[in-house]
Amino acid sequence: MKKTLMICLSAVLVASLFSCSGKGHAEAGSDEPLDFGVIKKDTTVSLSSSAASPKAEIRLNLHYATGHHAQEVNTLLFKSGILTPDYFCNDSVVPEPHKAVGLFLEKYAADYKKDYGDMYRRDPSHTESYQVQYFCSTNIKKGRKGVVNYLADISYFGGGTHPVDYTIALNIDRENGKLVQLSDVFSSDYEDMLTQKIVDALCEKYRVKNLSELREHSIFMDMEPYVTNNYILGKKHITFIYVDSEIAPHSEGQIEVDVEYGE
């Protein structure tokens, strides 16, 4: 999908496998502590009935909140960009998770058919250009005290030279279901301090002395260093995640930088 789905998928469901592993978890909206279930979907969508037809493959392994603040957390999750395109970005409340996943797949399917179907009919000789893969797998970890780390590993391939792989990290307050921001952890003037610590950590990682030498390695080459909003509040340190090609060439891949809280 060169337009709407340049960084995702969709399709009329040819094959769909659904399973949910949330047995024993509290029902969404209950007063039980925040917990998580899982929705799994494997879907393949063909552009035509031909065996050689281009296909979109979608694999989802999504954790969703149950129990206390489940509705608020799930709305946050489905509007966070872990599913792309973000069809729910303008919705104040997202449907319950199973329905939301179904709607996502339906819209993805329609967009795949629309955006790639016409091109395939006009030029059926370049099947590989219309092949699409979109995989999203999430994981839950215990982070800083009172914080749940919600991690989404995403891989997208849309007929280019290589797939795009990246991680989105969210940090959820277990008590109130809200995102934990860096301003909740550090004083108001934290940004300059953290920026310098990130640069220092990168210098150590790449065995260079300063920002100038980092730039010689194509890190922050054409930009000023900055604190990314993509981070994991771990038990002992924060891991800042710069996705593929964000601050360095694709050859460097995703770059992760650890900064101790007490540094």
Protein backbone atom coordinates (compact mmCIF):
# COMPACT_ATOMS: atom_id res chain seq x y z
CA MET A 1 0.00 0.00 0.00
CA LYS A 2 2.06 2.83 -1.32
CA LYS A 3 -0.16 5.54 0.16
CA THR A 4 -2.26 4.75 3.21
CA LEU A 5 -0.41 1.60 4.14
CA MET A 6 3.16 2.53 3.32
CA ILE A 7 4.03 1.47 6.82
CA CYS A 8 1.45 -1.24 7.49
CA LEU A 9 -1.06 -3.80 6.15
CA SER A 10 -4.63 -4.82 5.51
CA ALA A 11 -6.75 -7.33 3.67
CA VAL A 12 -9.93 -9.28 3.05
CA LEU A 13 -9.42 -12.15 5.43
CA VAL A 14 -8.54 -15.27 3.48
CA ALA A 15 -7.19 -17.12 6.48
CA SER A 16 -7.55 -15.94 10.06
CA LEU A 17 -6.53 -17.70 13.24
CA PHE A 18 -7.81 -16.21 16.47
CA SER A 19 -6.87 -17.13 19.98
CA CYS A 20 -6.97 -15.36 23.31
CA SER A 21 -4.89 -16.36 26.30
CA GLY A 22 -6.38 -14.42 29.14
CA LYS A 23 -7.95 -17.14 31.26
CA GLY A 24 -8.00 -16.33 34.91
CA HIS A 25 -7.53 -12.64 34.24
CA ALA A 26 -10.02 -10.10 35.51
CA GLU A 27 -12.62 -8.85 33.06
CA ALA A 28 -11.99 -5.43 31.55
CA GLY A 29 -13.33 -2.66 33.73
CA SER A 30 -13.38 -4.69 36.95
CA ASP A 31 -11.80 -3.55 40.20
CA GLU A 32 -9.11 -6.25 40.11
CA PRO A 33 -5.47 -5.13 39.75
CA LEU A 34 -4.21 -4.23 36.31
CA ASP A 35 -3.35 -7.35 34.35
CA PHE A 36 -3.02 -8.36 30.70
CA GLY A 37 -4.49 -10.88 28.30
CA VAL A 38 -3.32 -11.65 24.74
CA ILE A 39 -5.03 -11.55 21.35
CA LYS A 40 -3.33 -13.47 18.53
CA LYS A 41 -4.24 -13.16 14.86
CA ASP A 42 -2.48 -14.61 11.82
CA THR A 43 -4.03 -13.39 8.58
CA THR A 44 -3.13 -13.78 4.92
CA VAL A 45 -4.79 -11.65 2.25
CA SER A 46 -4.52 -12.24 -1.51
CA LEU A 47 -5.04 -9.64 -4.21
CA SER A 48 -6.52 -12.22 -6.57
CA SER A 49 -7.63 -15.86 -6.67
CA SER A 50 -4.45 -16.89 -8.47
CA ALA A 51 -1.99 -19.06 -6.56
CA ALA A 52 0.73 -16.62 -7.62
CA SER A 53 -1.19 -13.62 -6.30
CA PRO A 54 0.65 -11.09 -4.12
CA LYS A 55 -0.30 -11.37 -0.48
CA ALA A 56 -0.35 -9.37 2.70
CA GLU A 57 0.69 -11.31 5.79
CA ILE A 58 -0.37 -9.93 9.15
CA ARG A 59 0.70 -11.42 12.45
CA LEU A 60 -0.51 -9.84 15.66
CA ASN A 61 0.37 -10.90 19.18
CA LEU A 62 -1.17 -8.09 21.23
CA HIS A 63 -1.39 -7.74 24.99
CA TYR A 64 -4.42 -5.86 26.23
CA ALA A 65 -5.29 -4.66 29.71
CA THR A 66 -7.77 -6.38 32.02
CA GLY A 67 -8.90 -5.41 35.49
CA HIS A 68 -8.41 -2.00 37.06
CA HIS A 69 -8.30 0.94 34.56
CA ALA A 70 -8.51 -1.56 31.67
CA GLN A 71 -10.63 0.67 29.44
CA GLU A 72 -8.35 3.67 29.88
CA VAL A 73 -5.22 1.60 29.31
CA ASN A 74 -6.59 -0.13 26.22
CA THR A 75 -7.65 3.19 24.72
CA LEU A 76 -4.12 4.43 25.36
CA LEU A 77 -2.58 1.33 23.78
CA PHE A 78 -4.69 1.33 20.62
CA LYS A 79 -4.06 5.06 20.09
CA SER A 80 -0.29 4.83 20.69
CA GLY A 81 0.85 3.81 17.22
CA ILE A 82 1.60 0.16 18.02
CA LEU A 83 -0.87 -0.63 15.23
CA THR A 84 -0.17 1.25 12.02
CA PRO A 85 -2.05 2.94 10.42
CA ASP A 86 -3.51 4.35 13.63
CA TYR A 87 -7.16 4.05 12.66
CA PHE A 88 -8.28 4.98 16.18
CA CYS A 89 -6.27 8.19 16.60
CA ASN A 90 -9.35 10.42 16.44
CA ASP A 91 -11.54 8.24 18.65
CA SER A 92 -12.05 9.38 22.24
CA VAL A 93 -12.81 5.80 23.29
CA VAL A 94 -11.62 2.70 21.44
CA PRO A 95 -13.89 -0.38 21.17
CA GLU A 96 -13.08 -3.33 23.42
CA PRO A 97 -9.80 -5.01 22.34
CA HIS A 98 -11.18 -7.98 20.39
CA LYS A 99 -13.51 -5.76 18.39
CA ALA A 100 -10.78 -3.15 17.90
CA VAL A 101 -8.41 -5.77 16.45
CA GLY A 102 -11.15 -6.99 14.12
CA LEU A 103 -11.86 -3.44 12.91
CA PHE A 104 -8.15 -2.84 12.38
CA LEU A 105 -7.84 -5.94 10.22
CA GLU A 106 -10.94 -5.07 8.20
CA LYS A 107 -9.68 -1.57 7.45
CA TYR A 108 -6.19 -2.80 6.77
CA ALA A 109 -7.63 -5.31 4.33
CA ALA A 110 -9.69 -2.69 2.53
CA ASP A 111 -6.70 -0.36 2.21
CA TYR A 112 -4.44 -3.13 0.92
CA LYS A 113 -6.98 -4.11 -1.72
CA LYS A 114 -7.51 -0.49 -2.71
CA ASP A 115 -3.90 0.71 -2.77
CA TYR A 116 -2.25 -2.35 -4.28
CA GLY A 117 -5.09 -3.90 -6.25
CA ASP A 118 -5.20 -1.29 -9.01
CA MET A 119 -1.42 -1.30 -9.40
CA TYR A 120 -1.33 -5.09 -9.58
CA ARG A 121 -4.02 -5.18 -12.26
CA ARG A 122 -2.14 -2.59 -14.32
CA ASP A 123 1.21 -4.33 -13.90
CA PRO A 124 0.91 -7.98 -12.79
CA SER A 125 4.51 -8.77 -13.79
CA HIS A 126 6.12 -7.34 -10.63
CA THR A 127 4.44 -9.47 -8.00
CA GLU A 128 7.20 -8.88 -5.45
CA SER A 129 6.42 -5.15 -5.41
CA TYR A 130 2.98 -5.83 -3.96
CA GLN A 131 4.00 -8.28 -1.26
CA VAL A 132 3.38 -6.91 2.22
CA GLN A 133 4.24 -8.19 5.68
CA TYR A 134 3.22 -6.58 8.95
CA PHE A 135 4.13 -8.22 12.24
CA CYS A 136 3.47 -6.77 15.68
CA SER A 137 4.33 -8.66 18.86
CA THR A 138 4.03 -7.13 22.31
CA ASN A 139 5.61 -8.04 25.63
CA ILE A 140 5.01 -7.03 29.23
CA LYS A 141 7.84 -6.48 31.74
CA LYS A 142 8.13 -5.20 35.27
CA GLY A 143 9.90 -1.88 35.18
CA ARG A 144 10.62 0.81 37.70
CA LYS A 145 8.61 0.45 40.91
CA GLY A 146 4.91 0.75 40.10
CA VAL A 147 5.57 0.81 36.35
CA VAL A 148 4.63 -1.73 33.68
CA ASN A 149 6.82 -1.71 30.56
CA TYR A 150 4.70 -2.39 27.46
CA LEU A 151 6.96 -3.20 24.51
CA ALA A 152 5.84 -3.60 20.90
CA ASP A 153 8.28 -5.11 18.39
CA ILE A 154 7.13 -4.26 14.88
CA SER A 155 8.34 -5.38 11.47
CA TYR A 156 7.00 -4.02 8.19
CA PHE A 157 7.92 -4.96 4.65
CA GLY A 158 6.25 -3.35 1.65
CA GLY A 159 8.26 -4.37 -1.38
CA GLY A 160 11.37 -2.36 -0.55
CA THR A 161 14.96 -3.48 -0.21
CA HIS A 162 14.59 -4.50 3.41
CA PRO A 163 11.97 -4.68 6.17
CA VAL A 164 11.58 -1.86 8.66
CA ASP A 165 12.02 -3.16 12.21
CA TYR A 166 11.43 -1.03 15.27
CA THR A 167 10.32 -1.06 18.91
CA ILE A 168 7.74 1.16 20.58
CA ALA A 169 7.96 1.35 24.37
CA LEU A 170 5.21 2.56 26.70
CA ASN A 171 5.47 2.90 30.47
CA ILE A 172 2.20 2.49 32.34
CA ASP A 173 1.53 3.45 35.94
CA ARG A 174 0.02 0.32 37.50
CA GLU A 175 -2.06 2.36 39.95
CA ASN A 176 -3.73 4.92 37.70
CA GLY A 177 -3.31 3.44 34.21
CA LYS A 178 -1.63 6.56 32.83
CA LEU A 179 1.62 6.87 30.90
CA VAL A 180 4.63 7.70 33.04
CA GLN A 181 6.54 10.64 31.56
CA LEU A 182 10.16 11.60 32.09
CA SER A 183 8.90 14.70 33.88
CA ASP A 184 7.35 12.36 36.46
CA VAL A 185 10.79 10.90 37.16
CA PHE A 186 13.10 13.91 36.87
CA SER A 187 12.97 17.59 37.79
CA SER A 188 11.74 20.13 35.24
CA ASP A 189 15.22 20.86 33.85
CA TYR A 190 16.01 17.23 33.04
CA GLU A 191 16.27 17.51 29.25
CA ASP A 192 19.74 19.05 28.94
CA MET A 193 21.10 16.70 31.58
CA LEU A 194 19.68 13.58 29.92
CA THR A 195 20.79 14.71 26.47
CA GLN A 196 24.37 14.95 27.65
CA LYS A 197 24.17 11.57 29.36
CA ILE A 198 22.84 10.00 26.17
CA VAL A 199 25.72 11.52 24.20
CA ASP A 200 28.20 10.27 26.80
CA ALA A 201 26.71 6.78 26.69
CA LEU A 202 26.86 6.73 22.89
CA CYS A 203 30.48 7.89 22.97
CA GLU A 204 31.29 4.96 25.26
CA LYS A 205 29.29 2.57 23.06
CA TYR A 206 31.12 3.63 19.89
CA ARG A 207 34.46 4.19 21.64
CA VAL A 208 34.82 7.83 20.70
CA LYS A 209 35.60 10.92 22.75
CA ASN A 210 32.89 13.45 21.94
CA LEU A 211 29.92 14.47 19.79
CA SER A 212 32.15 15.51 16.91
CA GLU A 213 33.63 12.03 16.72
CA LEU A 214 30.16 10.51 17.04
CA ARG A 215 29.13 12.49 13.99
CA GLU A 216 32.11 11.06 12.13
CA HIS A 217 30.40 7.71 12.77
CA SER A 218 27.18 9.19 11.31
CA ILE A 219 25.45 9.39 14.72
CA PHE A 220 23.43 12.62 15.08
CA MET A 221 25.27 13.68 11.93
CA ASP A 222 22.81 16.28 10.62
CA MET A 223 20.94 17.10 13.81
CA GLU A 224 21.34 18.18 17.38
CA PRO A 225 21.20 15.40 20.01
CA TYR A 226 17.86 15.01 21.74
CA VAL A 227 15.99 12.89 24.27
CA THR A 228 13.66 10.50 22.49
CA ASN A 229 10.14 9.92 23.80
CA ASN A 230 10.65 6.21 23.13
CA TYR A 231 12.13 4.78 26.33
CA ILE A 232 11.87 1.97 28.86
CA LEU A 233 11.76 2.86 32.55
CA GLY A 234 13.63 -0.17 33.84
CA LYS A 235 14.38 -1.14 37.40
CA LYS A 236 17.91 0.30 37.46
CA HIS A 237 18.18 2.40 34.32
CA ILE A 238 16.30 4.00 31.45
CA THR A 239 16.77 2.54 27.99
CA PHE A 240 16.31 5.16 25.27
CA ILE A 241 15.34 3.65 21.91
CA TYR A 242 16.22 5.35 18.64
CA VAL A 243 14.59 3.36 15.86
CA ASP A 244 16.23 2.36 12.58
CA SER A 245 17.41 5.41 10.58
CA GLU A 246 16.25 7.89 13.26
CA ILE A 247 19.68 9.22 14.26
CA ALA A 248 22.00 7.06 12.14
CA PRO A 249 22.04 5.22 8.80
CA HIS A 250 20.07 2.01 8.33
CA SER A 251 23.31 0.02 8.63
CA GLU A 252 23.40 0.86 12.35
CA GLY A 253 19.92 -0.52 12.92
CA GLN A 254 17.97 0.39 16.04
CA ILE A 255 20.14 2.09 18.65
CA GLU A 256 19.48 1.61 22.38
CA VAL A 257 21.18 3.67 25.09
CA ASP A 258 21.12 2.91 28.82
CA VAL A 259 21.29 5.73 31.39
CA GLU A 260 21.38 4.98 35.11
CA TYR A 261 18.87 6.86 37.25
CA GLY A 262 21.49 7.90 39.76
CA GLU A 263 24.08 9.15 37.28
